[in-house]
Amino acid sequence: MSVFKHEYRAYTGPVTSLPSRIAVLARYALAEAWSSKITLVLFAVSMIPVLVFLVGIYLANNPIARTLILRGGSAHFNITASYFLNILATQCWLALVLTAWIAPRLISFDLADNALPILLSHPISRFGYVLGKFIALFSSLSLVTWVPALLLFAYQGYTSPLPWAGANLRVALGLLAGSVLWIALLSILGLALSSWVKWRMVATGCIFAAVFVPAGVGGVVSAILRTKWGLLLNVPVMMSQLWARIMGMPDSIRIGRDLPNIAIAAMLASICFICIFMLNARIRAREVVRG
C-alpha cells in the first residue's frame, strides 16, 4: 500500500509523567558522569580529608587514644565551629575540582555529537533537560560536601562526652546551607560554561577560569582603588565570608574588607541569572549554521 494511503493518527496511549522523564535524564547523566575512572579517582581523593578530620574528632574525644598516638604531647584540643568551617571549606573546594571534570561530560558530549535535536524531539522540554543534568551534578557534588560534613557532625555529637550536638545545631544547619548554596552555584555555572564549549578539556579550564580569573581582577581593583567592592568579583572571598556568617563565626577577613550580606546575595544571584541566560541561548532543539 502506498505511503500516502495510510491513515496516521496521534498516539493516544499512556504517557509517562514529567518527573519520570526528568529522572531518566538524571539517571543516564549520573551513569555518564561516574563511568570515568578519573571521576572515581577524584572522589577517592576528596574523601582523604574526610578521613583526616574523622581521626581528629576521634582523638579529640578519646584521651586514651590521644595519649598513645601522640605519646603525651599536644595534650588536648576542642572541636569547635571553626573545625567544621575548615571541613566545609576543604570539601567545597574539592567539589570545584569534581565539577570541572563532571560538568563537561554531561553537556559537551551532547553538543559535540549533535544529540540535542534528538533529545529535545522527545516529550521533554529544555527546562527538563537542564534540570535532569543539574540533578545529576548536584547529587554527585553532594557526596563530597554536605553528606560527609553532616556525618562528621553526627560522629562528633556521638563521641563527645558532653551534649555537644544540641548546643551546636547551628553548625549543622550552616554545613547544610553553605554546601547547598555552593554546589548549586557550581552546578549551574558548570552546565552553563559547558554548553558553550564543545571540547571537554577546554570546558574544564573555563570552569576554573570563571572562578579564579575574576578573583584576581577583583583583587587588583581593590588594591588600586583601595575599596572592598572589588571583592565582589572574588568568589572564594565571598563564599568564605558567607560560610562563616551562616555558621555563626566571626569573619576571618580584616575589618573594612567584609562585604554586606545583601551585596553577596545580589552578586551570587547575578551570576545565576547570567548562567540561566547562557543556557537558554545555547540549549536549542536546532542549530543554525551560517555559511
Protein backbone atom coordinates (compact mmCIF):
# COMPACT_ATOMS: atom_id res chain seq x y z
CA MET A 1 0.00 0.00 0.00
CA SER A 2 1.32 3.45 -0.83
CA VAL A 3 2.50 5.61 2.00
CA PHE A 4 0.04 8.40 1.27
CA LYS A 5 -2.87 5.96 1.62
CA HIS A 6 -2.01 5.17 5.24
CA GLU A 7 -4.06 6.96 7.84
CA TYR A 8 -1.75 8.21 10.59
CA ARG A 9 -3.14 9.07 13.99
CA ALA A 10 -1.66 10.68 17.03
CA TYR A 11 -0.56 8.40 19.84
CA THR A 12 -3.34 8.10 22.41
CA GLY A 13 -1.82 5.54 24.77
CA PRO A 14 -0.49 6.11 28.28
CA VAL A 15 2.39 8.55 28.67
CA THR A 16 4.97 8.82 31.40
CA SER A 17 4.83 11.67 33.87
CA LEU A 18 7.16 14.64 33.56
CA PRO A 19 9.12 13.82 36.75
CA SER A 20 9.84 10.32 35.44
CA ARG A 21 11.18 11.73 32.16
CA ILE A 22 13.49 14.06 34.05
CA ALA A 23 14.54 11.14 36.26
CA VAL A 24 15.57 9.18 33.15
CA LEU A 25 17.83 12.04 32.04
CA ALA A 26 19.27 12.34 35.54
CA ARG A 27 19.90 8.60 35.77
CA TYR A 28 21.76 8.42 32.47
CA ALA A 29 23.66 11.61 33.30
CA LEU A 30 24.81 10.05 36.56
CA ALA A 31 25.87 6.92 34.73
CA GLU A 32 27.86 9.01 32.25
CA ALA A 33 29.48 11.07 34.99
CA TRP A 34 30.61 8.06 37.03
CA SER A 35 31.60 5.87 34.09
CA SER A 36 35.02 7.54 34.01
CA LYS A 37 37.80 6.15 36.20
CA ILE A 38 39.06 9.70 36.71
CA THR A 39 35.76 10.56 38.42
CA LEU A 40 36.28 7.68 40.83
CA VAL A 41 39.86 8.78 41.49
CA LEU A 42 38.77 12.36 42.18
CA PHE A 43 36.05 11.11 44.51
CA ALA A 44 38.55 8.94 46.39
CA VAL A 45 40.95 11.87 46.73
CA SER A 46 38.15 14.09 48.04
CA MET A 47 37.49 11.55 50.79
CA ILE A 48 41.06 11.72 52.13
CA PRO A 49 40.46 14.99 54.05
CA VAL A 50 37.27 13.48 55.48
CA LEU A 51 39.28 10.61 56.95
CA VAL A 52 41.81 13.07 58.38
CA PHE A 53 39.05 15.13 60.01
CA LEU A 54 37.47 11.91 61.31
CA VAL A 55 40.72 10.93 63.01
CA GLY A 56 40.93 14.42 64.50
CA ILE A 57 37.47 14.08 66.02
CA TYR A 58 38.32 10.63 67.37
CA LEU A 59 41.50 11.87 69.04
CA ALA A 60 39.75 14.93 70.49
CA ASN A 61 37.19 12.75 72.25
CA ASN A 62 39.34 9.78 73.23
CA PRO A 63 42.05 10.69 75.75
CA ILE A 64 43.47 7.17 75.83
CA ALA A 65 43.99 7.02 72.06
CA ARG A 66 45.35 10.57 72.11
CA THR A 67 47.90 9.63 74.76
CA LEU A 68 49.01 6.50 72.90
CA ILE A 69 49.24 8.08 69.46
CA LEU A 70 50.63 11.48 70.43
CA ARG A 71 52.76 10.00 73.25
CA GLY A 72 51.76 12.60 75.77
CA GLY A 73 52.41 15.59 73.52
CA SER A 74 49.87 18.08 72.29
CA ALA A 75 47.57 17.49 75.22
CA HIS A 76 44.03 18.35 74.15
CA PHE A 77 42.13 20.27 71.52
CA ASN A 78 38.46 21.07 71.25
CA ILE A 79 36.16 20.52 68.30
CA THR A 80 34.53 23.88 67.65
CA ALA A 81 32.66 25.57 64.84
CA SER A 82 35.98 26.62 63.27
CA TYR A 83 36.90 22.95 62.89
CA PHE A 84 33.74 22.29 60.88
CA LEU A 85 34.27 25.50 58.90
CA ASN A 86 37.59 24.03 57.77
CA ILE A 87 35.76 20.84 56.82
CA LEU A 88 33.20 22.79 54.81
CA ALA A 89 35.80 24.91 53.01
CA THR A 90 38.01 21.92 52.18
CA GLN A 91 35.21 19.79 50.77
CA CYS A 92 33.64 22.65 48.85
CA TRP A 93 36.87 23.45 47.03
CA LEU A 94 37.35 19.79 46.22
CA ALA A 95 33.82 19.90 44.81
CA LEU A 96 35.03 22.57 42.37
CA VAL A 97 37.61 20.13 41.00
CA LEU A 98 34.95 17.45 40.65
CA THR A 99 32.64 19.93 38.90
CA ALA A 100 35.32 20.87 36.39
CA TRP A 101 35.60 17.22 35.39
CA ILE A 102 31.96 16.05 35.55
CA ALA A 103 30.03 19.04 34.16
CA PRO A 104 31.60 18.96 30.66
CA ARG A 105 30.79 15.26 30.39
CA LEU A 106 27.10 15.97 30.91
CA ILE A 107 26.54 18.53 28.14
CA SER A 108 29.63 18.82 25.94
CA PHE A 109 29.20 15.30 24.61
CA ASP A 110 25.60 16.03 23.59
CA LEU A 111 26.71 19.17 21.78
CA ALA A 112 29.69 17.56 20.08
CA ASP A 113 27.55 14.66 18.80
CA ASN A 114 24.64 16.94 17.81
CA ALA A 115 22.38 14.93 20.11
CA LEU A 116 20.30 17.84 21.40
CA PRO A 117 17.82 17.81 18.48
CA ILE A 118 17.18 14.10 19.09
CA LEU A 119 16.79 14.52 22.86
CA LEU A 120 14.52 17.54 22.61
CA SER A 121 12.36 15.87 19.94
CA HIS A 122 11.13 13.61 22.73
CA PRO A 123 8.44 14.84 25.17
CA ILE A 124 10.98 16.72 27.26
CA SER A 125 11.43 20.48 27.43
CA ARG A 126 14.66 22.43 27.52
CA PHE A 127 14.00 23.13 31.20
CA GLY A 128 13.53 19.42 31.85
CA TYR A 129 16.77 18.62 30.02
CA VAL A 130 18.78 21.13 32.05
CA LEU A 131 17.05 20.08 35.28
CA GLY A 132 17.96 16.44 34.70
CA LYS A 133 21.62 17.35 34.18
CA PHE A 134 21.50 19.68 37.18
CA ILE A 135 20.13 16.94 39.43
CA ALA A 136 22.88 14.56 38.35
CA LEU A 137 25.65 17.09 39.01
CA PHE A 138 24.09 18.32 42.26
CA SER A 139 23.78 14.75 43.55
CA SER A 140 27.39 13.95 42.67
CA LEU A 141 28.70 17.04 44.46
CA SER A 142 26.55 16.30 47.50
CA LEU A 143 28.56 13.13 48.06
CA VAL A 144 31.69 15.17 48.76
CA THR A 145 30.22 18.19 50.57
CA TRP A 146 27.26 18.20 52.94
CA VAL A 147 26.87 14.42 53.21
CA PRO A 148 30.33 13.71 54.71
CA ALA A 149 30.23 17.01 56.65
CA LEU A 150 26.99 16.09 58.39
CA LEU A 151 28.26 12.57 59.04
CA LEU A 152 31.30 14.05 60.78
CA PHE A 153 28.99 16.32 62.77
CA ALA A 154 26.91 13.31 63.83
CA TYR A 155 30.06 11.41 64.80
CA GLN A 156 31.26 14.34 66.90
CA GLY A 157 27.89 14.50 68.63
CA TYR A 158 28.05 10.75 69.29
CA THR A 159 31.60 10.62 70.65
CA SER A 160 31.56 13.86 72.64
CA PRO A 161 31.20 13.27 76.39
CA LEU A 162 29.14 16.47 76.59
CA PRO A 163 25.73 17.17 74.98
CA TRP A 164 27.51 18.76 72.02
CA ALA A 165 25.13 18.32 69.08
CA GLY A 166 22.18 20.16 70.59
CA ALA A 167 24.33 23.11 71.61
CA ASN A 168 25.87 23.37 68.14
CA LEU A 169 22.83 22.78 65.97
CA ARG A 170 23.56 25.98 64.04
CA VAL A 171 26.83 24.42 62.88
CA ALA A 172 24.94 21.54 61.27
CA LEU A 173 22.48 23.93 59.62
CA GLY A 174 25.40 26.03 58.40
CA LEU A 175 27.12 22.99 56.93
CA LEU A 176 23.98 22.05 55.03
CA ALA A 177 23.05 25.56 53.87
CA GLY A 178 26.59 26.53 52.93
CA SER A 179 27.14 23.34 50.97
CA VAL A 180 23.82 23.56 49.13
CA LEU A 181 24.45 27.17 48.10
CA TRP A 182 27.93 26.37 46.83
CA ILE A 183 27.14 23.21 44.88
CA ALA A 184 24.02 24.82 43.38
CA LEU A 185 26.21 27.68 42.14
CA LEU A 186 28.84 25.27 40.85
CA SER A 187 26.25 23.12 39.11
CA ILE A 188 24.58 25.92 37.17
CA LEU A 189 27.95 27.56 36.40
CA GLY A 190 29.46 24.29 35.18
CA LEU A 191 26.48 23.46 32.97
CA ALA A 192 26.33 26.96 31.50
CA LEU A 193 30.01 27.07 30.57
CA SER A 194 29.96 23.50 29.26
CA SER A 195 27.02 24.33 27.00
CA TRP A 196 29.11 26.90 25.12
CA VAL A 197 32.28 24.80 24.72
CA LYS A 198 32.16 21.54 22.79
CA TRP A 199 35.66 20.43 23.79
CA ARG A 200 35.66 18.84 27.21
CA MET A 201 39.17 19.82 28.31
CA VAL A 202 38.60 23.43 27.25
CA ALA A 203 35.34 23.47 29.21
CA THR A 204 37.19 22.16 32.27
CA GLY A 205 39.67 25.03 32.02
CA CYS A 206 36.86 27.55 31.54
CA ILE A 207 35.22 26.46 34.80
CA PHE A 208 38.42 27.06 36.76
CA ALA A 209 39.00 30.35 34.93
CA ALA A 210 35.46 31.56 35.67
CA VAL A 211 36.18 31.25 39.41
CA PHE A 212 39.79 32.38 39.73
CA VAL A 213 40.31 34.94 36.93
CA PRO A 214 37.61 37.35 38.23
CA ALA A 215 39.05 36.79 41.71
CA GLY A 216 42.42 38.08 40.52
CA VAL A 217 40.82 41.02 38.75
CA GLY A 218 38.82 41.85 41.88
CA GLY A 219 41.98 41.77 43.98
CA VAL A 220 43.72 44.17 41.60
CA VAL A 221 40.72 46.53 41.59
CA SER A 222 40.53 46.50 45.39
CA ALA A 223 44.24 47.18 45.72
CA ILE A 224 44.33 50.02 43.18
CA LEU A 225 41.13 51.79 44.21
CA ARG A 226 41.53 50.91 47.91
CA THR A 227 37.99 49.65 48.14
CA LYS A 228 36.40 46.46 49.31
CA TRP A 229 33.85 46.31 46.48
CA GLY A 230 36.31 44.69 44.12
CA LEU A 231 35.97 41.61 46.32
CA LEU A 232 32.52 41.09 44.84
CA LEU A 233 34.37 39.59 41.86
CA ASN A 234 36.22 37.25 44.19
CA VAL A 235 34.00 34.21 44.63
CA PRO A 236 36.36 32.48 47.12
CA VAL A 237 36.30 35.52 49.43
CA MET A 238 32.54 35.94 49.15
CA MET A 239 31.85 32.31 49.93
CA SER A 240 34.33 32.23 52.81
CA GLN A 241 32.61 35.18 54.45
CA LEU A 242 29.18 33.70 53.78
CA TRP A 243 30.11 30.31 55.24
CA ALA A 244 31.49 31.91 58.40
CA ARG A 245 28.37 34.00 58.92
CA ILE A 246 25.99 31.12 58.31
CA MET A 247 27.82 29.07 60.94
CA GLY A 248 27.81 31.97 63.40
CA MET A 249 31.56 32.66 63.32
CA PRO A 250 33.42 35.97 63.02
CA ASP A 251 34.85 36.78 59.61
CA SER A 252 38.49 35.93 59.04
CA ILE A 253 38.74 38.97 56.75
CA ARG A 254 40.10 42.06 58.47
CA ILE A 255 37.77 44.91 59.35
CA GLY A 256 36.97 47.11 56.40
CA ARG A 257 37.16 44.25 53.90
CA ASP A 258 33.96 42.49 54.92
CA LEU A 259 31.12 42.55 52.41
CA PRO A 260 27.45 43.08 53.33
CA ASN A 261 25.22 40.04 53.08
CA ILE A 262 22.88 41.78 50.64
CA ALA A 263 25.80 42.55 48.30
CA ILE A 264 26.99 38.93 48.36
CA ALA A 265 23.46 37.66 47.72
CA ALA A 266 22.96 40.10 44.84
CA MET A 267 26.26 39.10 43.23
CA LEU A 268 25.56 35.37 43.51
CA ALA A 269 22.05 35.92 42.10
CA SER A 270 23.55 37.87 39.20
CA ILE A 271 25.91 35.00 38.42
CA CYS A 272 22.99 32.57 38.40
CA PHE A 273 20.92 34.80 36.10
CA ILE A 274 23.82 35.09 33.67
CA CYS A 275 24.23 31.31 33.66
CA ILE A 276 20.50 30.82 33.06
CA PHE A 277 20.67 33.27 30.14
CA MET A 278 23.63 31.34 28.69
CA LEU A 279 21.77 28.03 28.98
CA ASN A 280 18.62 29.49 27.44
CA ALA A 281 20.59 30.82 24.48
CA ARG A 282 22.55 27.61 23.91
CA ILE A 283 20.19 24.71 24.66
CA ARG A 284 18.13 24.60 21.46
CA ALA A 285 16.37 21.88 19.51
CA ARG A 286 18.13 23.02 16.35
CA GLU A 287 21.42 24.65 15.49
CA VAL A 288 21.66 27.33 12.82
CA VAL A 289 24.85 27.17 10.78
CA ARG A 290 25.63 30.27 8.76
CA GLY A 291 27.66 29.69 5.64
